[in-house]
Amino acid sequence: MPIGVIEALDAEARGIARENGKAIFIDDALPGETVEYASYRRKPHYEQAHLVRVLRPAVARVTPRCPHFGVCGGCAMQHLEFFAQVAVKQRVLEDNLWHIGRVRAEEILPPIQGPAWGYRRKARLSVRRVQKKGGVLVGFHERRSSYIADIQACPVLHPATSALLLPLRELIDRLSIRDRLPQVEVAVGERGLALALRILESPTAADEALLRAFADEHRIMFYLQAKGPDSVCRFHPLPGTELDYHLPEFALRMAFQPNDFIQVNHDINRVLIRRALALLDPRPGEMVADLFCGLGNFSLPVARKGAQVVGIEGNAHLVERARDAAEENGLARRVRFAAANLFAATPESLRTLGTIDKYLIDPPREGALEVIKSLPAAREKDAPACVVYVSCNPATLSRDAAILVHQKDYRFLAAGVINMFPHTAHTESIALFVP
């Protein structure tokens, strides 16, 4: 059995060892460890391997809290001490910035971190009936597999969601459409929990009765999704509590639908907004552009600070809900929202927004390449006073940062990680650029 010494972790939290110049990526191995491994995929320049045995453990190795860790693909770092996880993500960010973008931030910001467990308020759970495992399974996929992990509880999900996993399995197993229900979207708000069932066939009257009884017993909301995301509709109870989250620091209430994009970790989101506004420093009389604005998660706090805001989002339904939120929170006069495809942004399309003093950009994993290419160069008279970039992918942030620094001559003033998804390899970050 080959033996390797782990030098570092990669972006997927796999240990990296080297043998005759070839990189070996070993699941669940940690930096500083000496391990035995067994390769399951061999390529000319690298191998992927299972961990067989830890011969010399790392000081930061801990016992995973979840008994399903290693099988379930939901988490990748439960075996690593919590604060060491943050350090690893910081290194992933810095390595990406340098190796992809050839840039370094002048200042590394303190990491944004918070609760380690029970933090996840949004999740997409897969559903499959597996008779040899006793019926319906509801959960995340197994590692590197299309199979669904047989989980009975999940310590990273909000406790109310975790407690529903087994009852939900039993409910779906009783439905006539159990083989036509591939997915459940979970959303937990401040005052309630919703389950949106993706259905490929309409439920029968008996199914509907079971769903109503379950919702009443567990005090949840059921939604049904028969087609695309826009087909989601509330099923039971029809009137009643809405999904929402609160930003008390800014006296804001944000309503959302179960399939809307929101930050999954409400505690971290509040700190993230505070950090973003500290970097942006919006002031009365300024015009701020919030690109990829979603529901207005950043737009409305910026407006609350007194600035005028234009929020641009590609999803027209989110734009409508952002407008409703602005109206409900008394900010309709300070913020305007519009739908536009920011992946097709041009210098001309950005100029139609008017004179923008500052930009806040929060793109999906694909990044904001066309937006960044379309921004004025630092030396141009219409250059913004700053660009705050919130990223969920260090690789695309690094690519975009390279354009801002090397082509447009912005200073890369600061960057830091956001531990939005503890125990996973997912690395979010925030960065500040100034002319």
Protein backbone atom coordinates (compact mmCIF):
# COMPACT_ATOMS: atom_id res chain seq x y z
CA MET A 1 0.00 0.00 0.00
CA PRO A 2 1.58 3.35 -1.01
CA ILE A 3 2.36 5.92 1.67
CA GLY A 4 2.21 9.68 1.19
CA VAL A 5 2.98 12.84 3.15
CA ILE A 6 0.26 15.47 2.77
CA GLU A 7 1.56 18.91 1.79
CA ALA A 8 -1.67 20.91 1.48
CA LEU A 9 -5.38 20.78 0.70
CA ASP A 10 -6.82 21.54 -2.72
CA ALA A 11 -9.98 23.56 -3.42
CA GLU A 12 -12.10 20.44 -2.84
CA ALA A 13 -10.48 19.77 0.57
CA ARG A 14 -8.51 16.77 -0.66
CA GLY A 15 -5.05 16.18 0.71
CA ILE A 16 -2.22 16.62 -1.79
CA ALA A 17 0.78 14.29 -1.73
CA ARG A 18 3.44 13.88 -4.41
CA GLU A 19 5.09 10.78 -5.83
CA ASN A 20 7.80 11.11 -8.47
CA GLY A 21 6.52 14.54 -9.38
CA LYS A 22 2.91 13.38 -9.75
CA ALA A 23 0.19 14.95 -7.57
CA ILE A 24 -1.91 12.50 -5.55
CA PHE A 25 -5.27 13.87 -4.36
CA ILE A 26 -6.38 11.88 -1.31
CA ASP A 27 -9.87 12.17 0.17
CA ASP A 28 -10.02 13.09 3.89
CA ALA A 29 -6.25 13.45 4.33
CA LEU A 30 -4.97 16.59 6.09
CA PRO A 31 -1.80 18.68 5.76
CA GLY A 32 1.14 17.32 7.75
CA GLU A 33 -0.23 13.79 7.89
CA THR A 34 1.47 10.61 6.78
CA VAL A 35 -1.14 8.29 5.27
CA GLU A 36 -1.67 5.07 3.40
CA TYR A 37 -3.84 5.47 0.32
CA ALA A 38 -5.36 3.49 -2.54
CA SER A 39 -5.75 5.14 -5.93
CA TYR A 40 -9.08 4.81 -7.75
CA ARG A 41 -8.22 6.99 -10.75
CA ARG A 42 -4.87 7.27 -12.48
CA LYS A 43 -3.94 9.90 -15.05
CA PRO A 44 -0.53 10.74 -16.53
CA HIS A 45 0.02 13.76 -14.26
CA TYR A 46 -2.15 13.04 -11.22
CA GLU A 47 -4.05 10.38 -9.29
CA GLN A 48 -7.15 10.41 -7.10
CA ALA A 49 -7.15 8.18 -4.07
CA HIS A 50 -9.06 6.97 -1.04
CA LEU A 51 -7.58 7.35 2.42
CA VAL A 52 -6.85 3.88 3.81
CA ARG A 53 -5.16 4.66 7.13
CA VAL A 54 -3.68 7.66 8.92
CA LEU A 55 -0.21 6.74 10.12
CA ARG A 56 0.61 10.11 11.65
CA PRO A 57 -2.43 12.37 12.23
CA ALA A 58 -2.46 16.15 12.03
CA VAL A 59 -2.90 18.13 15.24
CA ALA A 60 -6.00 19.73 13.71
CA ARG A 61 -7.73 16.40 12.97
CA VAL A 62 -10.99 15.96 14.92
CA THR A 63 -13.75 13.37 15.06
CA PRO A 64 -16.56 14.33 12.65
CA ARG A 65 -19.83 15.06 14.41
CA CYS A 66 -21.94 13.51 11.66
CA PRO A 67 -21.95 9.68 11.45
CA HIS A 68 -22.57 9.96 7.70
CA PHE A 69 -19.39 11.96 7.04
CA GLY A 70 -17.28 10.29 4.38
CA VAL A 71 -20.30 8.78 2.65
CA CYS A 72 -22.58 11.80 2.28
CA GLY A 73 -21.24 14.33 -0.20
CA GLY A 74 -22.67 17.32 1.65
CA CYS A 75 -19.56 18.02 3.76
CA ALA A 76 -15.86 17.68 3.04
CA MET A 77 -14.10 19.10 6.14
CA GLN A 78 -15.79 17.85 9.31
CA HIS A 79 -12.59 15.99 10.18
CA LEU A 80 -10.69 19.30 10.37
CA GLU A 81 -10.89 21.63 13.38
CA PHE A 82 -13.31 24.48 12.70
CA PHE A 83 -10.86 27.40 12.83
CA ALA A 84 -8.33 25.46 10.77
CA GLN A 85 -11.02 25.15 8.07
CA VAL A 86 -11.14 28.93 7.83
CA ALA A 87 -7.35 29.10 7.50
CA VAL A 88 -7.48 26.57 4.68
CA LYS A 89 -10.10 28.64 2.85
CA GLN A 90 -7.98 31.75 3.29
CA ARG A 91 -5.06 29.91 1.70
CA VAL A 92 -7.28 28.70 -1.16
CA LEU A 93 -8.33 32.29 -1.82
CA GLU A 94 -4.77 33.65 -1.75
CA ASP A 95 -3.44 30.80 -3.91
CA ASN A 96 -6.16 31.37 -6.51
CA LEU A 97 -5.55 35.10 -6.58
CA TRP A 98 -1.86 34.59 -7.22
CA HIS A 99 -1.77 31.52 -9.46
CA ILE A 100 -4.77 32.51 -11.62
CA GLY A 101 -4.76 36.29 -11.46
CA ARG A 102 -1.18 37.12 -10.49
CA VAL A 103 -2.58 39.56 -7.93
CA ARG A 104 -2.24 39.99 -4.19
CA ALA A 105 -4.40 42.10 -1.91
CA GLU A 106 -2.61 44.83 0.01
CA GLU A 107 -4.55 43.82 3.14
CA ILE A 108 -6.01 40.47 4.20
CA LEU A 109 -9.27 41.11 6.02
CA PRO A 110 -10.26 39.17 9.14
CA PRO A 111 -12.37 36.17 8.11
CA ILE A 112 -16.14 36.36 8.47
CA GLN A 113 -17.25 33.35 10.45
CA GLY A 114 -20.06 32.28 12.73
CA PRO A 115 -22.01 29.21 13.91
CA ALA A 116 -20.49 25.90 12.89
CA TRP A 117 -23.65 23.78 13.11
CA GLY A 118 -27.32 24.09 12.28
CA TYR A 119 -26.62 27.09 10.05
CA ARG A 120 -28.06 25.97 6.72
CA ARG A 121 -31.50 27.50 6.07
CA LYS A 122 -31.68 26.65 2.37
CA ALA A 123 -31.04 23.22 0.87
CA ARG A 124 -31.97 21.14 -2.15
CA LEU A 125 -32.58 17.54 -1.12
CA SER A 126 -32.81 14.66 -3.56
CA VAL A 127 -35.51 12.00 -3.27
CA ARG A 128 -35.37 8.41 -4.46
CA ARG A 129 -37.18 5.22 -3.57
CA VAL A 130 -34.68 2.45 -2.85
CA GLN A 131 -36.57 -0.63 -1.81
CA LYS A 132 -33.54 -2.58 -0.61
CA LYS A 133 -32.83 0.27 1.85
CA GLY A 134 -36.34 0.24 3.24
CA GLY A 135 -38.15 2.73 1.02
CA VAL A 136 -37.70 6.41 0.23
CA LEU A 137 -34.42 8.23 0.89
CA VAL A 138 -34.28 12.01 1.27
CA GLY A 139 -30.94 13.78 1.47
CA PHE A 140 -27.73 14.73 -0.31
CA HIS A 141 -25.91 12.61 -2.86
CA GLU A 142 -23.11 10.30 -1.80
CA ARG A 143 -19.60 11.38 -2.71
CA ARG A 144 -18.85 11.05 -6.41
CA SER A 145 -22.15 9.22 -6.91
CA SER A 146 -25.71 9.65 -8.11
CA TYR A 147 -26.88 7.56 -5.13
CA ILE A 148 -28.57 9.33 -2.25
CA ALA A 149 -26.92 9.01 1.15
CA ASP A 150 -29.05 7.22 3.73
CA ILE A 151 -28.99 10.02 6.30
CA GLN A 152 -31.31 10.18 9.28
CA ALA A 153 -30.17 13.55 10.61
CA CYS A 154 -27.89 16.35 9.41
CA PRO A 155 -26.03 18.61 11.88
CA VAL A 156 -25.39 21.39 9.33
CA LEU A 157 -29.04 21.76 8.38
CA HIS A 158 -31.23 24.00 10.50
CA PRO A 159 -32.42 21.79 13.40
CA ALA A 160 -36.05 22.05 12.29
CA THR A 161 -35.10 20.69 8.87
CA SER A 162 -32.94 17.91 10.25
CA ALA A 163 -35.79 16.78 12.50
CA LEU A 164 -38.05 16.41 9.46
CA LEU A 165 -35.80 14.09 7.45
CA LEU A 166 -37.22 10.81 8.72
CA PRO A 167 -40.88 11.95 8.92
CA LEU A 168 -40.54 13.29 5.37
CA ARG A 169 -39.23 9.96 4.12
CA GLU A 170 -42.22 8.21 5.64
CA LEU A 171 -44.65 10.73 4.17
CA ILE A 172 -43.27 10.51 0.63
CA ASP A 173 -43.22 6.72 0.80
CA ARG A 174 -47.00 6.84 1.37
CA LEU A 175 -47.69 9.06 -1.65
CA SER A 176 -48.86 7.57 -4.93
CA ILE A 177 -46.40 9.88 -6.75
CA ARG A 178 -43.36 8.84 -4.67
CA ASP A 179 -41.53 7.76 -7.85
CA ARG A 180 -42.42 11.04 -9.54
CA LEU A 181 -41.07 13.35 -6.83
CA PRO A 182 -37.31 13.73 -7.37
CA GLN A 183 -36.49 16.76 -5.24
CA VAL A 184 -37.44 18.82 -2.20
CA GLU A 185 -36.36 22.44 -1.80
CA VAL A 186 -36.10 23.44 1.86
CA ALA A 187 -36.31 27.04 3.04
CA VAL A 188 -36.33 28.22 6.65
CA GLY A 189 -37.40 31.77 7.41
CA GLU A 190 -37.53 33.72 10.65
CA ARG A 191 -41.06 32.54 11.37
CA GLY A 192 -41.58 29.33 9.44
CA LEU A 193 -40.27 26.44 7.35
CA ALA A 194 -41.31 25.61 3.78
CA LEU A 195 -40.88 22.51 1.67
CA ALA A 196 -41.24 22.89 -2.09
CA LEU A 197 -41.88 19.52 -3.73
CA ARG A 198 -40.72 19.09 -7.33
CA ILE A 199 -43.47 16.91 -8.84
CA LEU A 200 -43.53 15.26 -12.26
CA GLU A 201 -47.14 14.16 -11.81
CA SER A 202 -50.08 15.77 -10.07
CA PRO A 203 -50.87 14.43 -6.58
CA THR A 204 -54.11 12.54 -6.08
CA ALA A 205 -56.79 13.67 -3.65
CA ALA A 206 -55.45 11.11 -1.16
CA ASP A 207 -51.91 12.50 -1.62
CA GLU A 208 -53.19 16.02 -1.02
CA ALA A 209 -54.88 14.93 2.20
CA LEU A 210 -51.61 13.39 3.43
CA LEU A 211 -49.68 16.57 2.60
CA ARG A 212 -52.17 18.77 4.43
CA ALA A 213 -52.13 16.57 7.51
CA PHE A 214 -48.31 16.54 7.55
CA ALA A 215 -48.11 20.33 7.19
CA ASP A 216 -50.59 20.83 10.01
CA GLU A 217 -48.87 18.35 12.32
CA HIS A 218 -45.37 19.77 11.79
CA ARG A 219 -46.46 23.40 11.33
CA ILE A 220 -44.77 23.83 7.98
CA MET A 221 -45.73 25.21 4.56
CA PHE A 222 -45.94 23.04 1.45
CA TYR A 223 -45.30 24.40 -2.04
CA LEU A 224 -45.57 22.43 -5.28
CA GLN A 225 -43.42 22.85 -8.39
CA ALA A 226 -44.84 21.14 -11.47
CA LYS A 227 -42.53 22.64 -14.10
CA GLY A 228 -39.73 25.21 -14.00
CA PRO A 229 -38.77 27.37 -11.00
CA ASP A 230 -41.44 29.95 -11.85
CA SER A 231 -44.18 27.34 -11.45
CA VAL A 232 -43.71 27.09 -7.67
CA CYS A 233 -47.00 27.78 -5.91
CA ARG A 234 -48.17 27.54 -2.33
CA PHE A 235 -50.26 24.45 -1.61
CA HIS A 236 -51.01 24.40 2.13
CA PRO A 237 -51.79 26.32 4.20
CA LEU A 238 -52.87 28.90 1.63
CA PRO A 239 -53.13 31.94 3.91
CA GLY A 240 -50.69 32.46 6.75
CA THR A 241 -47.05 33.06 7.57
CA GLU A 242 -44.66 34.15 4.82
CA LEU A 243 -41.04 33.16 4.45
CA ASP A 244 -38.81 36.07 5.37
CA TYR A 245 -35.54 37.04 6.95
CA HIS A 246 -34.71 40.13 8.97
CA LEU A 247 -31.79 42.54 8.96
CA PRO A 248 -32.33 44.23 12.33
CA GLU A 249 -29.26 46.46 12.04
CA PHE A 250 -30.97 48.17 9.10
CA ALA A 251 -34.60 47.69 10.24
CA LEU A 252 -35.35 45.59 7.17
CA ARG A 253 -37.64 42.65 6.49
CA MET A 254 -37.03 40.63 3.31
CA ALA A 255 -39.78 38.29 2.08
CA PHE A 256 -38.82 35.44 -0.25
CA GLN A 257 -40.14 32.33 -1.97
CA PRO A 258 -38.67 28.88 -1.24
CA ASN A 259 -36.87 28.70 -4.60
CA ASP A 260 -35.50 32.26 -4.49
CA PHE A 261 -31.77 32.72 -4.10
CA ILE A 262 -30.89 33.90 -0.61
CA GLN A 263 -27.76 33.39 1.46
CA VAL A 264 -28.15 30.06 3.24
CA ASN A 265 -26.48 31.24 6.45
CA HIS A 266 -28.50 34.11 7.96
CA ASP A 267 -26.00 34.89 10.73
CA ILE A 268 -23.09 35.15 8.31
CA ASN A 269 -25.20 37.15 5.87
CA ARG A 270 -25.75 39.85 8.49
CA VAL A 271 -22.02 40.14 9.14
CA LEU A 272 -21.28 40.05 5.41
CA ILE A 273 -23.62 42.99 4.78
CA ARG A 274 -21.97 44.94 7.59
CA ARG A 275 -18.51 44.24 6.09
CA ALA A 276 -19.62 45.11 2.56
CA LEU A 277 -21.09 48.42 3.65
CA ALA A 278 -17.99 49.25 5.69
CA LEU A 279 -15.87 48.77 2.55
CA LEU A 280 -18.35 50.53 0.27
CA ASP A 281 -18.98 53.41 2.70
CA PRO A 282 -22.19 54.61 0.99
CA ARG A 283 -23.13 58.19 1.75
CA PRO A 284 -26.14 60.46 1.14
CA GLY A 285 -25.98 61.96 -2.34
CA GLU A 286 -23.97 59.09 -3.84
CA MET A 287 -25.27 56.73 -6.52
CA VAL A 288 -24.40 53.06 -5.92
CA ALA A 289 -24.91 50.27 -8.47
CA ASP A 290 -25.70 46.86 -6.97
CA LEU A 291 -25.13 44.33 -9.76
CA PHE A 292 -26.58 40.81 -9.51
CA CYS A 293 -28.72 42.31 -6.75
CA GLY A 294 -31.21 39.46 -6.28
CA LEU A 295 -33.86 40.38 -3.74
CA GLY A 296 -31.98 43.52 -2.73
CA ASN A 297 -29.96 41.90 0.06
CA PHE A 298 -27.31 44.64 -0.29
CA SER A 299 -29.37 47.27 -2.13
CA LEU A 300 -31.76 48.02 0.69
CA PRO A 301 -29.11 48.32 3.44
CA VAL A 302 -27.15 50.68 1.16
CA ALA A 303 -30.31 52.73 0.60
CA ARG A 304 -30.96 52.76 4.34
CA LYS A 305 -27.58 54.48 4.70
CA GLY A 306 -28.90 57.34 2.58
CA ALA A 307 -27.39 56.63 -0.83
CA GLN A 308 -29.37 56.26 -4.03
CA VAL A 309 -29.18 52.73 -5.44
CA VAL A 310 -29.78 51.11 -8.81
CA GLY A 311 -30.08 47.33 -8.53
CA ILE A 312 -29.68 45.14 -11.62
CA GLU A 313 -30.65 41.47 -11.69
CA GLY A 314 -31.15 38.96 -14.50
CA ASN A 315 -34.19 37.24 -12.96
CA ALA A 316 -37.28 39.38 -13.56
CA HIS A 317 -39.22 37.64 -10.77
CA LEU A 318 -36.52 38.54 -8.24
CA VAL A 319 -36.63 42.12 -9.50
CA GLU A 320 -40.36 42.27 -8.77
CA ARG A 321 -39.82 40.94 -5.26
CA ALA A 322 -36.98 43.42 -4.72
CA ARG A 323 -39.32 46.25 -5.69
CA ASP A 324 -41.94 44.94 -3.27
CA ALA A 325 -39.31 44.79 -0.50
CA ALA A 326 -38.25 48.38 -1.20
CA GLU A 327 -41.86 49.50 -1.01
CA GLU A 328 -42.58 47.55 2.18
CA ASN A 329 -39.48 48.92 3.88
CA GLY A 330 -40.15 52.53 2.88
CA LEU A 331 -37.19 52.79 0.49
CA ALA A 332 -38.89 52.95 -2.90
CA ARG A 333 -37.71 56.54 -3.44
CA ARG A 334 -34.06 55.68 -2.87
CA VAL A 335 -33.71 52.52 -4.94
CA ARG A 336 -34.76 51.43 -8.39
CA PHE A 337 -34.51 47.91 -9.75
CA ALA A 338 -34.30 46.66 -13.33
CA ALA A 339 -33.90 43.32 -15.08
CA ALA A 340 -30.93 42.94 -17.42
CA ASN A 341 -28.53 40.23 -18.58
CA LEU A 342 -25.28 41.22 -16.90
CA PHE A 343 -23.41 38.41 -18.65
CA ALA A 344 -23.88 40.49 -21.81
CA ALA A 345 -22.88 43.80 -20.19
CA THR A 346 -21.08 46.40 -22.31
CA PRO A 347 -19.59 49.82 -21.53
CA GLU A 348 -22.66 51.30 -23.23
CA SER A 349 -25.12 49.31 -21.11
CA LEU A 350 -23.37 50.38 -17.90
CA ARG A 351 -23.46 54.01 -19.00
CA THR A 352 -27.25 53.79 -19.22
CA LEU A 353 -27.30 53.42 -15.42
CA GLY A 354 -26.17 57.03 -15.09
CA THR A 355 -23.22 58.36 -13.13
CA ILE A 356 -22.22 55.63 -10.68
CA ASP A 357 -20.07 56.59 -7.72
CA LYS A 358 -19.53 53.08 -6.36
CA TYR A 359 -20.18 49.50 -7.46
CA LEU A 360 -21.15 46.45 -5.43
CA ILE A 361 -20.96 43.24 -7.47
CA ASP A 362 -22.21 39.87 -6.18
CA PRO A 363 -22.23 37.45 -9.15
CA PRO A 364 -22.92 33.71 -9.28
CA ARG A 365 -20.09 31.20 -9.67
CA GLU A 366 -19.48 32.25 -13.28
CA GLY A 367 -18.21 35.58 -12.03
CA ALA A 368 -18.73 39.01 -13.61
CA LEU A 369 -16.36 38.95 -16.59
CA GLU A 370 -18.35 41.17 -18.96
CA VAL A 371 -19.19 43.64 -16.20
CA ILE A 372 -15.55 43.90 -15.17
CA LYS A 373 -14.42 44.34 -18.78
CA SER A 374 -17.02 47.10 -19.18
CA LEU A 375 -16.09 49.16 -16.13
CA PRO A 376 -14.16 52.40 -16.72
CA ALA A 377 -10.42 52.16 -16.19
CA ALA A 378 -9.05 53.71 -13.02
CA ARG A 379 -7.55 56.62 -14.94
CA GLU A 380 -10.84 57.56 -16.64
CA LYS A 381 -12.86 60.45 -15.25
CA ASP A 382 -15.98 58.33 -14.72
CA ALA A 383 -14.14 55.63 -12.75
CA PRO A 384 -16.02 54.67 -9.58
CA ALA A 385 -14.56 55.52 -6.17
CA CYS A 386 -14.51 51.81 -5.36
CA VAL A 387 -15.64 48.37 -6.45
CA VAL A 388 -16.70 45.89 -3.76
CA TYR A 389 -16.82 42.35 -5.16
CA VAL A 390 -18.54 39.55 -3.24
CA SER A 391 -17.58 36.17 -4.68
CA CYS A 392 -18.67 32.55 -4.28
CA ASN A 393 -15.87 31.25 -6.50
CA PRO A 394 -12.22 32.22 -5.87
CA ALA A 395 -11.22 31.17 -9.39
CA THR A 396 -13.55 33.59 -11.18
CA LEU A 397 -12.82 36.33 -8.64
CA SER A 398 -9.12 35.87 -9.43
CA ARG A 399 -9.75 36.08 -13.17
CA ASP A 400 -11.82 39.25 -12.76
CA ALA A 401 -9.35 40.79 -10.29
CA ALA A 402 -6.57 40.32 -12.84
CA ILE A 403 -8.50 42.45 -15.34
CA LEU A 404 -9.16 45.19 -12.80
CA VAL A 405 -5.53 45.31 -11.66
CA HIS A 406 -3.48 44.55 -14.78
CA GLN A 407 -5.70 46.02 -17.50
CA LYS A 408 -7.65 48.75 -15.72
CA ASP A 409 -5.02 49.84 -13.16
CA TYR A 410 -7.14 49.53 -10.01
CA ARG A 411 -5.45 48.96 -6.67
CA PHE A 412 -6.39 45.70 -5.00
CA LEU A 413 -6.83 47.13 -1.55
CA ALA A 414 -8.24 44.23 0.50
CA ALA A 415 -9.68 40.70 0.43
CA GLY A 416 -10.89 38.13 2.93
CA VAL A 417 -12.86 34.91 3.20
CA ILE A 418 -16.46 34.39 4.24
CA ASN A 419 -17.14 31.02 5.86
CA MET A 420 -20.71 30.85 4.60
CA PHE A 421 -20.66 27.03 4.42
CA PRO A 422 -18.75 25.57 7.39
CA HIS A 423 -17.47 21.98 6.97
CA THR A 424 -17.63 22.22 3.18
CA ALA A 425 -14.87 23.19 0.78
CA HIS A 426 -17.01 26.05 -0.55
CA THR A 427 -15.00 29.30 -0.29
CA GLU A 428 -16.73 32.67 -0.45
CA SER A 429 -14.87 35.95 -0.25
CA ILE A 430 -15.09 39.72 -0.46
CA ALA A 431 -12.65 42.07 -2.17
CA LEU A 432 -12.15 45.84 -2.47
CA PHE A 433 -10.69 47.66 -5.48
CA VAL A 434 -10.07 51.40 -5.75
CA PRO A 435 -8.65 53.62 -8.54
